[in-house]
Amino acid sequence: MQGKGVTDDPPGESYWKIWNGIRLTGMPAYGGSISETQAWQIAQLVANADKLPPNVKQIIATPPPAK
């Protein structure tokens, strides 16, 4: 069986990765930039990304307008 990417990770593991980063991978630590609540919200979003309806996935994938 092949994994589904980050949706396979428990939210606590994703939280740790978001908060601390992953050395030597290019994944920065966001612990100094966002609140703990925001980090948990991101971890939950990532854990459930495969369950989002198509219209929500499209909104998330759309880049913000240029300023």
PDB file of N, CA and C in Angstrom:
ATOM      1  N   MET A   1       0.838  -1.187   0.000  1.00  0.00           N
ATOM      2  CA  MET A   1       0.000   0.000   0.000  1.00  0.00           C
ATOM      3  C   MET A   1       0.875   1.240   0.000  1.00  0.00           C
ATOM      4  N   GLN A   2       0.541   2.178  -0.845  1.00  0.00           N
ATOM      5  CA  GLN A   2       1.316   3.413  -0.945  1.00  0.00           C
ATOM      6  C   GLN A   2       0.671   4.486  -0.077  1.00  0.00           C
ATOM      7  N   GLY A   3       1.500   5.305   0.593  1.00  0.00           N
ATOM      8  CA  GLY A   3       0.993   6.359   1.461  1.00  0.00           C
ATOM      9  C   GLY A   3       0.343   7.491   0.682  1.00  0.00           C
ATOM     10  N   LYS A   4      -0.326   8.364   1.429  1.00  0.00           N
ATOM     11  CA  LYS A   4      -1.020   9.497   0.834  1.00  0.00           C
ATOM     12  C   LYS A   4      -0.281  10.803   1.081  1.00  0.00           C
ATOM     13  N   GLY A   5       0.981  10.729   1.472  1.00  0.00           N
ATOM     14  CA  GLY A   5       1.720  11.962   1.760  1.00  0.00           C
ATOM     15  C   GLY A   5       1.458  12.430   3.178  1.00  0.00           C
ATOM     16  N   VAL A   6       1.371  13.737   3.363  1.00  0.00           N
ATOM     17  CA  VAL A   6       1.226  14.280   4.713  1.00  0.00           C
ATOM     18  C   VAL A   6      -0.097  13.931   5.365  1.00  0.00           C
ATOM     19  N   THR A   7      -1.102  13.540   4.588  1.00  0.00           N
ATOM     20  CA  THR A   7      -2.370  13.147   5.209  1.00  0.00           C
ATOM     21  C   THR A   7      -2.222  11.845   5.989  1.00  0.00           C
ATOM     22  N   ASP A   8      -1.119  11.115   5.805  1.00  0.00           N
ATOM     23  CA  ASP A   8      -0.836   9.906   6.593  1.00  0.00           C
ATOM     24  C   ASP A   8      -0.305  10.245   7.985  1.00  0.00           C
ATOM     25  N   ASP A   9       0.273  11.425   8.137  1.00  0.00           N
ATOM     26  CA  ASP A   9       0.880  11.807   9.415  1.00  0.00           C
ATOM     27  C   ASP A   9      -0.200  12.157  10.438  1.00  0.00           C
ATOM     28  N   PRO A  10      -0.009  11.746  11.694  1.00  0.00           N
ATOM     29  CA  PRO A  10      -0.923  12.210  12.739  1.00  0.00           C
ATOM     30  C   PRO A  10      -0.780  13.728  12.886  1.00  0.00           C
ATOM     31  N   PRO A  11      -1.849  14.437  13.265  1.00  0.00           N
ATOM     32  CA  PRO A  11      -1.756  15.890  13.398  1.00  0.00           C
ATOM     33  C   PRO A  11      -0.627  16.352  14.320  1.00  0.00           C
ATOM     34  N   GLY A  12      -0.339  15.591  15.365  1.00  0.00           N
ATOM     35  CA  GLY A  12       0.745  15.979  16.272  1.00  0.00           C
ATOM     36  C   GLY A  12       2.097  15.987  15.583  1.00  0.00           C
ATOM     37  N   GLU A  13       2.317  15.043  14.679  1.00  0.00           N
ATOM     38  CA  GLU A  13       3.576  14.998  13.935  1.00  0.00           C
ATOM     39  C   GLU A  13       3.659  16.175  12.960  1.00  0.00           C
ATOM     40  N   SER A  14       2.552  16.463  12.284  1.00  0.00           N
ATOM     41  CA  SER A  14       2.541  17.609  11.371  1.00  0.00           C
ATOM     42  C   SER A  14       2.755  18.907  12.138  1.00  0.00           C
ATOM     43  N   TYR A  15       2.125  19.027  13.323  1.00  0.00           N
ATOM     44  CA  TYR A  15       2.319  20.213  14.161  1.00  0.00           C
ATOM     45  C   TYR A  15       3.810  20.396  14.464  1.00  0.00           C
ATOM     46  N   TRP A  16       4.460  19.320  14.881  1.00  0.00           N
ATOM     47  CA  TRP A  16       5.883  19.403  15.215  1.00  0.00           C
ATOM     48  C   TRP A  16       6.703  19.869  14.014  1.00  0.00           C
ATOM     49  N   LYS A  17       6.402  19.326  12.848  1.00  0.00           N
ATOM     50  CA  LYS A  17       7.126  19.701  11.629  1.00  0.00           C
ATOM     51  C   LYS A  17       6.881  21.169  11.281  1.00  0.00           C
ATOM     52  N   ILE A  18       5.648  21.624  11.439  1.00  0.00           N
ATOM     53  CA  ILE A  18       5.319  23.019  11.154  1.00  0.00           C
ATOM     54  C   ILE A  18       6.040  23.927  12.141  1.00  0.00           C
ATOM     55  N   TRP A  19       6.009  23.567  13.406  1.00  0.00           N
ATOM     56  CA  TRP A  19       6.569  24.402  14.464  1.00  0.00           C
ATOM     57  C   TRP A  19       8.102  24.433  14.423  1.00  0.00           C
ATOM     58  N   ASN A  20       8.720  23.276  14.168  1.00  0.00           N
ATOM     59  CA  ASN A  20      10.170  23.157  14.252  1.00  0.00           C
ATOM     60  C   ASN A  20      10.889  23.108  12.914  1.00  0.00           C
ATOM     61  N   GLY A  21      10.180  22.846  11.831  1.00  0.00           N
ATOM     62  CA  GLY A  21      10.820  22.677  10.533  1.00  0.00           C
ATOM     63  C   GLY A  21      11.460  21.301  10.429  1.00  0.00           C
ATOM     64  N   ILE A  22      12.001  21.023   9.266  1.00  0.00           N
ATOM     65  CA  ILE A  22      12.694  19.755   9.044  1.00  0.00           C
ATOM     66  C   ILE A  22      14.066  20.081   8.486  1.00  0.00           C
ATOM     67  N   ARG A  23      15.074  19.792   9.265  1.00  0.00           N
ATOM     68  CA  ARG A  23      16.456  20.104   8.885  1.00  0.00           C
ATOM     69  C   ARG A  23      16.838  19.500   7.550  1.00  0.00           C
ATOM     70  N   LEU A  24      17.590  20.250   6.781  1.00  0.00           N
ATOM     71  CA  LEU A  24      18.194  19.820   5.519  1.00  0.00           C
ATOM     72  C   LEU A  24      17.170  19.460   4.439  1.00  0.00           C
ATOM     73  N   THR A  25      15.931  19.957   4.569  1.00  0.00           N
ATOM     74  CA  THR A  25      14.926  19.664   3.549  1.00  0.00           C
ATOM     75  C   THR A  25      14.376  20.918   2.890  1.00  0.00           C
ATOM     76  N   GLY A  26      14.645  22.070   3.451  1.00  0.00           N
ATOM     77  CA  GLY A  26      14.060  23.297   2.947  1.00  0.00           C
ATOM     78  C   GLY A  26      12.761  23.660   3.650  1.00  0.00           C
ATOM     79  N   MET A  27      12.279  22.784   4.555  1.00  0.00           N
ATOM     80  CA  MET A  27      11.057  23.079   5.308  1.00  0.00           C
ATOM     81  C   MET A  27      11.437  23.935   6.508  1.00  0.00           C
ATOM     82  N   PRO A  28      11.073  25.244   6.476  1.00  0.00           N
ATOM     83  CA  PRO A  28      11.443  26.126   7.582  1.00  0.00           C
ATOM     84  C   PRO A  28      10.575  25.889   8.816  1.00  0.00           C
ATOM     85  N   ALA A  29      11.041  26.373   9.947  1.00  0.00           N
ATOM     86  CA  ALA A  29      10.259  26.355  11.180  1.00  0.00           C
ATOM     87  C   ALA A  29       9.381  27.607  11.200  1.00  0.00           C
ATOM     88  N   TYR A  30       8.116  27.431  11.513  1.00  0.00           N
ATOM     89  CA  TYR A  30       7.201  28.568  11.588  1.00  0.00           C
ATOM     90  C   TYR A  30       6.850  28.929  13.024  1.00  0.00           C
ATOM     91  N   GLY A  31       7.513  28.290  13.994  1.00  0.00           N
ATOM     92  CA  GLY A  31       7.224  28.541  15.402  1.00  0.00           C
ATOM     93  C   GLY A  31       7.383  29.982  15.819  1.00  0.00           C
ATOM     94  N   GLY A  32       8.254  30.726  15.178  1.00  0.00           N
ATOM     95  CA  GLY A  32       8.435  32.132  15.527  1.00  0.00           C
ATOM     96  C   GLY A  32       7.555  33.072  14.732  1.00  0.00           C
ATOM     97  N   SER A  33       6.808  32.534  13.760  1.00  0.00           N
ATOM     98  CA  SER A  33       6.016  33.377  12.863  1.00  0.00           C
ATOM     99  C   SER A  33       4.511  33.266  13.073  1.00  0.00           C
ATOM    100  N   ILE A  34       4.059  32.155  13.634  1.00  0.00           N
ATOM    101  CA  ILE A  34       2.626  31.928  13.813  1.00  0.00           C
ATOM    102  C   ILE A  34       2.370  31.488  15.244  1.00  0.00           C
ATOM    103  N   SER A  35       1.108  31.560  15.650  1.00  0.00           N
ATOM    104  CA  SER A  35       0.752  31.122  17.006  1.00  0.00           C
ATOM    105  C   SER A  35       0.642  29.592  17.056  1.00  0.00           C
ATOM    106  N   GLU A  36       0.623  29.061  18.264  1.00  0.00           N
ATOM    107  CA  GLU A  36       0.432  27.618  18.420  1.00  0.00           C
ATOM    108  C   GLU A  36      -0.923  27.194  17.863  1.00  0.00           C
ATOM    109  N   THR A  37      -1.931  28.025  18.071  1.00  0.00           N
ATOM    110  CA  THR A  37      -3.268  27.721  17.541  1.00  0.00           C
ATOM    111  C   THR A  37      -3.232  27.634  16.021  1.00  0.00           C
ATOM    112  N   GLN A  38      -2.556  28.579  15.373  1.00  0.00           N
ATOM    113  CA  GLN A  38      -2.451  28.548  13.917  1.00  0.00           C
ATOM    114  C   GLN A  38      -1.703  27.301  13.447  1.00  0.00           C
ATOM    115  N   ALA A  39      -0.652  26.908  14.168  1.00  0.00           N
ATOM    116  CA  ALA A  39       0.094  25.707  13.791  1.00  0.00           C
ATOM    117  C   ALA A  39      -0.801  24.469  13.894  1.00  0.00           C
ATOM    118  N   TRP A  40      -1.618  24.384  14.948  1.00  0.00           N
ATOM    119  CA  TRP A  40      -2.547  23.255  15.080  1.00  0.00           C
ATOM    120  C   TRP A  40      -3.603  23.289  13.985  1.00  0.00           C
ATOM    121  N   GLN A  41      -4.077  24.485  13.621  1.00  0.00           N
ATOM    122  CA  GLN A  41      -5.071  24.594  12.548  1.00  0.00           C
ATOM    123  C   GLN A  41      -4.489  24.097  11.225  1.00  0.00           C
ATOM    124  N   ILE A  42      -3.251  24.455  10.945  1.00  0.00           N
ATOM    125  CA  ILE A  42      -2.595  23.996   9.722  1.00  0.00           C
ATOM    126  C   ILE A  42      -2.426  22.480   9.766  1.00  0.00           C
ATOM    127  N   ALA A  43      -2.003  21.950  10.927  1.00  0.00           N
ATOM    128  CA  ALA A  43      -1.818  20.500  11.061  1.00  0.00           C
ATOM    129  C   ALA A  43      -3.128  19.757  10.807  1.00  0.00           C
ATOM    130  N   GLN A  44      -4.227  20.283  11.313  1.00  0.00           N
ATOM    131  CA  GLN A  44      -5.533  19.651  11.092  1.00  0.00           C
ATOM    132  C   GLN A  44      -5.950  19.756   9.624  1.00  0.00           C
ATOM    133  N   LEU A  45      -5.687  20.900   9.005  1.00  0.00           N
ATOM    134  CA  LEU A  45      -6.009  21.072   7.585  1.00  0.00           C
ATOM    135  C   LEU A  45      -5.240  20.062   6.741  1.00  0.00           C
ATOM    136  N   VAL A  46      -3.955  19.933   7.012  1.00  0.00           N
ATOM    137  CA  VAL A  46      -3.119  18.999   6.251  1.00  0.00           C
ATOM    138  C   VAL A  46      -3.585  17.561   6.474  1.00  0.00           C
ATOM    139  N   ALA A  47      -3.922  17.219   7.720  1.00  0.00           N
ATOM    140  CA  ALA A  47      -4.357  15.856   8.035  1.00  0.00           C
ATOM    141  C   ALA A  47      -5.652  15.493   7.319  1.00  0.00           C
ATOM    142  N   ASN A  48      -6.470  16.489   7.025  1.00  0.00           N
ATOM    143  CA  ASN A  48      -7.773  16.231   6.407  1.00  0.00           C
ATOM    144  C   ASN A  48      -7.871  16.754   4.981  1.00  0.00           C
ATOM    145  N   ALA A  49      -6.749  17.094   4.375  1.00  0.00           N
ATOM    146  CA  ALA A  49      -6.745  17.691   3.035  1.00  0.00           C
ATOM    147  C   ALA A  49      -7.395  16.785   1.990  1.00  0.00           C
ATOM    148  N   ASP A  50      -7.254  15.492   2.153  1.00  0.00           N
ATOM    149  CA  ASP A  50      -7.838  14.571   1.170  1.00  0.00           C
ATOM    150  C   ASP A  50      -9.362  14.471   1.295  1.00  0.00           C
ATOM    151  N   LYS A  51      -9.923  15.039   2.356  1.00  0.00           N
ATOM    152  CA  LYS A  51     -11.375  14.974   2.576  1.00  0.00           C
ATOM    153  C   LYS A  51     -12.084  16.276   2.198  1.00  0.00           C
ATOM    154  N   LEU A  52     -11.339  17.292   1.789  1.00  0.00           N
ATOM    155  CA  LEU A  52     -11.940  18.581   1.449  1.00  0.00           C
ATOM    156  C   LEU A  52     -12.746  18.472   0.163  1.00  0.00           C
ATOM    157  N   PRO A  53     -13.859  19.193   0.072  1.00  0.00           N
ATOM    158  CA  PRO A  53     -14.622  19.189  -1.170  1.00  0.00           C
ATOM    159  C   PRO A  53     -13.837  19.891  -2.292  1.00  0.00           C
ATOM    160  N   PRO A  54     -14.111  19.537  -3.532  1.00  0.00           N
ATOM    161  CA  PRO A  54     -13.362  20.106  -4.657  1.00  0.00           C
ATOM    162  C   PRO A  54     -13.355  21.638  -4.703  1.00  0.00           C
ATOM    163  N   ASN A  55     -14.475  22.273  -4.352  1.00  0.00           N
ATOM    164  CA  ASN A  55     -14.494  23.737  -4.412  1.00  0.00           C
ATOM    165  C   ASN A  55     -13.558  24.365  -3.385  1.00  0.00           C
ATOM    166  N   VAL A  56     -13.393  23.746  -2.225  1.00  0.00           N
ATOM    167  CA  VAL A  56     -12.471  24.250  -1.209  1.00  0.00           C
ATOM    168  C   VAL A  56     -11.028  24.029  -1.669  1.00  0.00           C
ATOM    169  N   LYS A  57     -10.743  22.861  -2.243  1.00  0.00           N
ATOM    170  CA  LYS A  57      -9.399  22.599  -2.768  1.00  0.00           C
ATOM    171  C   LYS A  57      -9.023  23.635  -3.821  1.00  0.00           C
ATOM    172  N   GLN A  58      -9.982  24.015  -4.654  1.00  0.00           N
ATOM    173  CA  GLN A  58      -9.718  25.007  -5.698  1.00  0.00           C
ATOM    174  C   GLN A  58      -9.403  26.374  -5.078  1.00  0.00           C
ATOM    175  N   ILE A  59     -10.150  26.759  -4.045  1.00  0.00           N
ATOM    176  CA  ILE A  59      -9.902  28.035  -3.372  1.00  0.00           C
ATOM    177  C   ILE A  59      -8.508  28.051  -2.760  1.00  0.00           C
ATOM    178  N   ILE A  60      -8.131  26.968  -2.094  1.00  0.00           N
ATOM    179  CA  ILE A  60      -6.813  26.895  -1.462  1.00  0.00           C
ATOM    180  C   ILE A  60      -5.696  26.933  -2.502  1.00  0.00           C
ATOM    181  N   ALA A  61      -5.915  26.302  -3.650  1.00  0.00           N
ATOM    182  CA  ALA A  61      -4.880  26.218  -4.687  1.00  0.00           C
ATOM    183  C   ALA A  61      -4.745  27.510  -5.494  1.00  0.00           C
ATOM    184  N   THR A  62      -5.724  28.391  -5.423  1.00  0.00           N
ATOM    185  CA  THR A  62      -5.673  29.636  -6.201  1.00  0.00           C
ATOM    186  C   THR A  62      -4.717  30.611  -5.548  1.00  0.00           C
ATOM    187  N   PRO A  63      -3.722  31.103  -6.303  1.00  0.00           N
ATOM    188  CA  PRO A  63      -2.785  32.077  -5.718  1.00  0.00           C
ATOM    189  C   PRO A  63      -3.496  33.391  -5.398  1.00  0.00           C
ATOM    190  N   PRO A  64      -3.034  34.094  -4.386  1.00  0.00           N
ATOM    191  CA  PRO A  64      -3.653  35.381  -4.056  1.00  0.00           C
ATOM    192  C   PRO A  64      -3.374  36.395  -5.164  1.00  0.00           C
ATOM    193  N   PRO A  65      -4.233  37.390  -5.311  1.00  0.00           N
ATOM    194  CA  PRO A  65      -4.009  38.399  -6.346  1.00  0.00           C
ATOM    195  C   PRO A  65      -2.735  39.196  -6.066  1.00  0.00           C
ATOM    196  N   ALA A  66      -2.075  39.619  -7.122  1.00  0.00           N
ATOM    197  CA  ALA A  66      -0.856  40.426  -6.992  1.00  0.00           C
ATOM    198  C   ALA A  66      -1.217  41.800  -6.444  1.00  0.00           C
ATOM    199  N   LYS A  67      -0.323  42.348  -5.647  1.00  0.00           N
ATOM    200  CA  LYS A  67      -0.571  43.684  -5.084  1.00  0.00           C
ATOM    201  C   LYS A  67       0.103  44.742  -5.889  1.00  0.00           C
TER     202      LYS A  67
END
